[in-house]
């Protein structure tokens, strides 16, 4: 039986964590999420995510497209890290708070 390399275990762990995040998909070197938000909700999400992303030293792409908010999170080195999965989870928290009308979850 072959011993599992540390990198394989890390990737499996991150893939498992990402699988728990409803609506997020992996597309090559990035993870993506499309949200149905109005313009005010989009602005609120963008502002809150910027604070979280700055703390994690990540730069997600957040834009409006045909009435939807499209989020892309990726890395320059191509490897999915715990930081990207953490950011996706925090974005989910912010999204849920916004659609539920909760003040500021950050």
N, C-alpha and C. Protein backbone atom coordinates (compact mmCIF):
# COMPACT_ATOMS: atom_id res chain seq x y z
N UNK A 1 0.84 -1.17 0.00
CA UNK A 1 0.00 0.00 0.00
C UNK A 1 0.89 1.24 0.00
N UNK A 2 0.57 2.18 -0.84
CA UNK A 2 1.36 3.39 -1.01
C UNK A 2 0.99 4.43 0.05
N UNK A 3 2.00 5.03 0.64
CA UNK A 3 1.75 6.10 1.62
C UNK A 3 1.26 7.34 0.89
N UNK A 4 0.34 8.03 1.49
CA UNK A 4 -0.23 9.23 0.90
C UNK A 4 0.69 10.42 1.14
N UNK A 5 1.00 11.14 0.07
CA UNK A 5 1.84 12.32 0.20
C UNK A 5 1.07 13.45 0.87
N UNK A 6 1.81 14.34 1.53
CA UNK A 6 1.20 15.47 2.23
C UNK A 6 0.39 16.34 1.28
N UNK A 7 0.90 16.59 0.07
CA UNK A 7 0.18 17.43 -0.90
C UNK A 7 -1.15 16.79 -1.30
N UNK A 8 -1.17 15.48 -1.47
CA UNK A 8 -2.41 14.80 -1.83
C UNK A 8 -3.43 14.93 -0.70
N UNK A 9 -2.99 14.79 0.53
CA UNK A 9 -3.88 14.92 1.67
C UNK A 9 -4.44 16.33 1.75
N UNK A 10 -3.58 17.35 1.52
CA UNK A 10 -4.01 18.74 1.57
C UNK A 10 -5.05 19.01 0.50
N UNK A 11 -4.82 18.54 -0.71
CA UNK A 11 -5.76 18.75 -1.81
C UNK A 11 -7.08 18.06 -1.51
N UNK A 12 -7.03 16.85 -0.99
CA UNK A 12 -8.26 16.13 -0.63
C UNK A 12 -9.02 16.90 0.44
N UNK A 13 -8.33 17.40 1.44
CA UNK A 13 -8.96 18.16 2.52
C UNK A 13 -9.63 19.41 1.96
N UNK A 14 -8.92 20.15 1.11
CA UNK A 14 -9.48 21.37 0.54
C UNK A 14 -10.65 21.07 -0.39
N UNK A 15 -10.54 20.02 -1.16
CA UNK A 15 -11.65 19.63 -2.04
C UNK A 15 -12.87 19.23 -1.23
N UNK A 16 -12.65 18.52 -0.13
CA UNK A 16 -13.76 18.15 0.75
C UNK A 16 -14.41 19.39 1.36
N UNK A 17 -13.57 20.34 1.80
CA UNK A 17 -14.10 21.58 2.38
C UNK A 17 -14.88 22.36 1.35
N UNK A 18 -14.37 22.45 0.14
CA UNK A 18 -15.05 23.17 -0.93
C UNK A 18 -16.37 22.50 -1.27
N UNK A 19 -16.41 21.19 -1.23
CA UNK A 19 -17.64 20.46 -1.54
C UNK A 19 -18.77 20.80 -0.55
N UNK A 20 -18.42 21.24 0.65
CA UNK A 20 -19.42 21.61 1.64
C UNK A 20 -20.02 22.99 1.39
N UNK A 21 -19.42 23.75 0.49
CA UNK A 21 -19.90 25.10 0.19
C UNK A 21 -20.86 25.04 -0.99
N UNK A 22 -22.13 25.17 -0.70
CA UNK A 22 -23.17 25.09 -1.71
C UNK A 22 -22.99 26.16 -2.78
N UNK A 23 -23.03 25.74 -4.04
CA UNK A 23 -23.00 26.68 -5.15
C UNK A 23 -21.62 27.02 -5.69
N UNK A 24 -20.56 26.67 -4.99
CA UNK A 24 -19.21 26.96 -5.46
C UNK A 24 -18.75 25.83 -6.36
N UNK A 25 -18.14 26.21 -7.47
CA UNK A 25 -17.61 25.22 -8.41
C UNK A 25 -16.15 25.52 -8.68
N UNK A 26 -15.44 24.48 -9.01
CA UNK A 26 -14.02 24.64 -9.35
C UNK A 26 -13.91 24.63 -10.86
N UNK A 27 -13.20 25.61 -11.37
CA UNK A 27 -13.01 25.74 -12.81
C UNK A 27 -11.54 26.01 -13.07
N UNK A 28 -10.80 24.97 -13.34
CA UNK A 28 -9.37 25.13 -13.57
C UNK A 28 -8.65 25.62 -12.34
N UNK A 29 -8.09 26.82 -12.42
CA UNK A 29 -7.29 27.37 -11.34
C UNK A 29 -8.08 28.26 -10.38
N UNK A 30 -9.40 28.27 -10.51
CA UNK A 30 -10.19 29.14 -9.65
C UNK A 30 -11.47 28.45 -9.20
N UNK A 31 -12.08 29.05 -8.18
CA UNK A 31 -13.40 28.62 -7.73
C UNK A 31 -14.37 29.77 -7.99
N UNK A 32 -15.61 29.42 -8.32
CA UNK A 32 -16.58 30.41 -8.76
C UNK A 32 -17.91 30.26 -8.04
N UNK A 33 -18.63 31.38 -7.98
CA UNK A 33 -19.98 31.38 -7.42
C UNK A 33 -20.78 32.46 -8.12
N UNK A 34 -22.01 32.17 -8.49
CA UNK A 34 -22.91 33.15 -9.09
C UNK A 34 -24.07 33.33 -8.13
N UNK A 35 -24.33 34.60 -7.77
CA UNK A 35 -25.37 34.93 -6.80
C UNK A 35 -26.41 35.83 -7.43
N UNK A 36 -27.65 35.64 -7.06
CA UNK A 36 -28.71 36.54 -7.50
C UNK A 36 -28.89 37.61 -6.43
N UNK A 37 -28.37 38.81 -6.72
CA UNK A 37 -28.45 39.94 -5.81
C UNK A 37 -28.87 41.17 -6.59
N UNK A 38 -29.57 42.09 -5.91
CA UNK A 38 -29.86 43.36 -6.58
C UNK A 38 -28.62 44.26 -6.44
N UNK A 39 -28.68 45.44 -7.03
CA UNK A 39 -27.51 46.32 -7.04
C UNK A 39 -27.06 46.72 -5.64
N UNK A 40 -28.01 47.02 -4.76
CA UNK A 40 -27.66 47.42 -3.38
C UNK A 40 -27.02 46.25 -2.63
N UNK A 41 -27.57 45.06 -2.79
CA UNK A 41 -27.00 43.88 -2.14
C UNK A 41 -25.61 43.58 -2.69
N UNK A 42 -25.45 43.75 -3.99
CA UNK A 42 -24.14 43.54 -4.63
C UNK A 42 -23.11 44.49 -4.02
N UNK A 43 -23.48 45.75 -3.88
CA UNK A 43 -22.56 46.75 -3.31
C UNK A 43 -22.20 46.39 -1.87
N UNK A 44 -23.18 45.97 -1.09
CA UNK A 44 -22.93 45.59 0.31
C UNK A 44 -21.99 44.38 0.37
N UNK A 45 -22.25 43.38 -0.46
CA UNK A 45 -21.41 42.19 -0.48
C UNK A 45 -19.99 42.55 -0.87
N UNK A 46 -19.84 43.36 -1.90
CA UNK A 46 -18.52 43.74 -2.40
C UNK A 46 -17.71 44.45 -1.31
N UNK A 47 -18.34 45.36 -0.59
CA UNK A 47 -17.64 46.10 0.46
C UNK A 47 -17.20 45.18 1.60
N UNK A 48 -18.08 44.30 2.02
CA UNK A 48 -17.75 43.39 3.13
C UNK A 48 -16.68 42.38 2.72
N UNK A 49 -16.78 41.86 1.49
CA UNK A 49 -15.80 40.88 1.03
C UNK A 49 -14.43 41.51 0.89
N UNK A 50 -14.37 42.78 0.50
CA UNK A 50 -13.08 43.45 0.37
C UNK A 50 -12.33 43.44 1.70
N UNK A 51 -13.03 43.66 2.79
CA UNK A 51 -12.39 43.66 4.12
C UNK A 51 -11.82 42.27 4.43
N UNK A 52 -12.62 41.26 4.18
CA UNK A 52 -12.19 39.88 4.45
C UNK A 52 -11.03 39.50 3.54
N UNK A 53 -11.13 39.82 2.26
CA UNK A 53 -10.09 39.48 1.29
C UNK A 53 -8.78 40.18 1.65
N UNK A 54 -8.86 41.43 2.07
CA UNK A 54 -7.65 42.15 2.48
C UNK A 54 -6.98 41.44 3.66
N UNK A 55 -7.77 40.99 4.61
CA UNK A 55 -7.21 40.30 5.77
C UNK A 55 -6.54 38.98 5.37
N UNK A 56 -7.10 38.31 4.36
CA UNK A 56 -6.54 37.05 3.88
C UNK A 56 -5.48 37.24 2.80
N UNK A 57 -5.28 38.48 2.40
CA UNK A 57 -4.34 38.85 1.33
C UNK A 57 -4.66 38.13 0.02
N UNK A 58 -5.95 38.16 -0.33
CA UNK A 58 -6.44 37.57 -1.57
C UNK A 58 -7.16 38.63 -2.37
N UNK A 59 -7.30 38.42 -3.66
CA UNK A 59 -7.97 39.37 -4.54
C UNK A 59 -9.03 38.66 -5.38
N UNK A 60 -10.24 38.51 -4.85
CA UNK A 60 -11.29 37.89 -5.64
C UNK A 60 -11.78 38.86 -6.72
N UNK A 61 -12.34 38.32 -7.76
CA UNK A 61 -12.99 39.12 -8.78
C UNK A 61 -14.49 39.08 -8.49
N UNK A 62 -15.08 40.26 -8.31
CA UNK A 62 -16.52 40.34 -8.05
C UNK A 62 -17.09 41.33 -9.05
N UNK A 63 -18.04 40.87 -9.88
CA UNK A 63 -18.60 41.78 -10.88
C UNK A 63 -20.07 41.46 -11.13
N UNK A 64 -20.74 42.42 -11.73
CA UNK A 64 -22.15 42.26 -12.11
C UNK A 64 -22.21 41.77 -13.54
N UNK A 65 -23.10 40.84 -13.80
CA UNK A 65 -23.30 40.32 -15.15
C UNK A 65 -24.75 39.90 -15.29
N UNK A 66 -25.49 40.60 -16.10
CA UNK A 66 -26.89 40.26 -16.37
C UNK A 66 -27.72 40.10 -15.09
N UNK A 67 -27.57 41.03 -14.15
CA UNK A 67 -28.36 40.99 -12.93
C UNK A 67 -27.88 40.01 -11.88
N UNK A 68 -26.71 39.43 -12.09
CA UNK A 68 -26.14 38.48 -11.14
C UNK A 68 -24.79 38.99 -10.66
N UNK A 69 -24.38 38.52 -9.51
CA UNK A 69 -23.04 38.80 -9.00
C UNK A 69 -22.19 37.57 -9.25
N UNK A 70 -21.09 37.77 -9.97
CA UNK A 70 -20.20 36.66 -10.34
C UNK A 70 -18.91 36.83 -9.54
N UNK A 71 -18.56 35.80 -8.78
CA UNK A 71 -17.37 35.83 -7.93
C UNK A 71 -16.40 34.77 -8.41
N UNK A 72 -15.15 35.18 -8.55
CA UNK A 72 -14.07 34.25 -8.92
C UNK A 72 -12.94 34.42 -7.92
N UNK A 73 -12.46 33.30 -7.40
CA UNK A 73 -11.35 33.31 -6.46
C UNK A 73 -10.31 32.34 -6.99
N UNK A 74 -9.08 32.81 -7.17
CA UNK A 74 -8.03 31.95 -7.69
C UNK A 74 -6.67 32.39 -7.18
N UNK A 75 -5.66 31.62 -7.53
CA UNK A 75 -4.30 31.95 -7.13
C UNK A 75 -3.41 32.05 -8.34
N UNK A 76 -2.32 32.73 -8.18
CA UNK A 76 -1.35 32.89 -9.26
C UNK A 76 -0.58 31.59 -9.51
N UNK A 77 -0.36 30.80 -8.46
CA UNK A 77 0.45 29.58 -8.62
C UNK A 77 -0.38 28.38 -9.07
N UNK A 78 -1.68 28.53 -9.14
CA UNK A 78 -2.53 27.47 -9.65
C UNK A 78 -3.00 26.45 -8.64
N UNK A 79 -2.44 26.45 -7.45
CA UNK A 79 -2.83 25.48 -6.44
C UNK A 79 -3.88 26.10 -5.52
N UNK A 80 -4.98 25.41 -5.34
CA UNK A 80 -6.01 25.85 -4.41
C UNK A 80 -5.46 25.77 -3.00
N UNK A 81 -5.62 26.85 -2.25
CA UNK A 81 -5.10 26.89 -0.88
C UNK A 81 -6.24 26.99 0.12
N UNK A 82 -5.88 26.82 1.37
CA UNK A 82 -6.87 26.98 2.44
C UNK A 82 -7.42 28.39 2.46
N UNK A 83 -6.61 29.37 2.05
CA UNK A 83 -7.05 30.76 2.02
C UNK A 83 -8.22 30.97 1.07
N UNK A 84 -8.16 30.39 -0.11
CA UNK A 84 -9.26 30.53 -1.06
C UNK A 84 -10.53 29.87 -0.55
N UNK A 85 -10.41 28.71 0.04
CA UNK A 85 -11.58 28.02 0.57
C UNK A 85 -12.14 28.79 1.76
N UNK A 86 -11.27 29.34 2.59
CA UNK A 86 -11.71 30.16 3.72
C UNK A 86 -12.46 31.39 3.21
N UNK A 87 -11.90 32.03 2.18
CA UNK A 87 -12.57 33.21 1.61
C UNK A 87 -13.94 32.84 1.07
N UNK A 88 -14.04 31.72 0.36
CA UNK A 88 -15.34 31.28 -0.16
C UNK A 88 -16.34 31.06 0.97
N UNK A 89 -15.89 30.46 2.06
CA UNK A 89 -16.79 30.24 3.21
C UNK A 89 -17.23 31.56 3.82
N UNK A 90 -16.33 32.50 3.93
CA UNK A 90 -16.67 33.82 4.49
C UNK A 90 -17.61 34.57 3.55
N UNK A 91 -17.40 34.44 2.24
CA UNK A 91 -18.31 35.05 1.28
C UNK A 91 -19.71 34.48 1.45
N UNK A 92 -19.80 33.18 1.66
CA UNK A 92 -21.10 32.56 1.91
C UNK A 92 -21.76 33.15 3.16
N UNK A 93 -20.99 33.36 4.21
CA UNK A 93 -21.52 33.97 5.43
C UNK A 93 -22.08 35.36 5.15
N UNK A 94 -21.31 36.15 4.41
CA UNK A 94 -21.74 37.51 4.07
C UNK A 94 -23.00 37.47 3.20
N UNK A 95 -23.01 36.59 2.22
CA UNK A 95 -24.17 36.45 1.33
C UNK A 95 -25.43 36.10 2.12
N UNK A 96 -25.32 35.12 3.00
CA UNK A 96 -26.48 34.71 3.81
C UNK A 96 -26.96 35.87 4.68
N UNK A 97 -26.03 36.61 5.28
CA UNK A 97 -26.40 37.75 6.11
C UNK A 97 -27.12 38.82 5.29
N UNK A 98 -26.65 39.06 4.10
CA UNK A 98 -27.26 40.08 3.26
C UNK A 98 -28.67 39.67 2.83
N UNK A 99 -28.84 38.44 2.39
CA UNK A 99 -30.18 38.04 1.94
C UNK A 99 -31.14 37.85 3.11
N UNK A 100 -30.59 37.61 4.31
CA UNK A 100 -31.43 37.49 5.51
C UNK A 100 -31.64 38.81 6.21
N UNK A 101 -30.98 39.87 5.71
CA UNK A 101 -31.14 41.21 6.29
C UNK A 101 -30.40 41.45 7.58
N UNK A 102 -29.37 40.65 7.86
CA UNK A 102 -28.56 40.81 9.07
C UNK A 102 -27.57 41.95 8.84
N UNK A 103 -27.27 42.70 9.88
CA UNK A 103 -26.38 43.87 9.75
C UNK A 103 -25.03 43.52 9.16
N UNK A 104 -23.99 43.35 9.92
CA UNK A 104 -22.65 43.12 9.40
C UNK A 104 -22.04 41.90 10.07
N UNK A 105 -21.87 40.77 9.32
CA UNK A 105 -21.33 39.56 9.92
C UNK A 105 -19.82 39.56 10.05
N UNK A 106 -19.14 40.58 9.49
CA UNK A 106 -17.66 40.57 9.52
C UNK A 106 -17.10 41.00 10.84
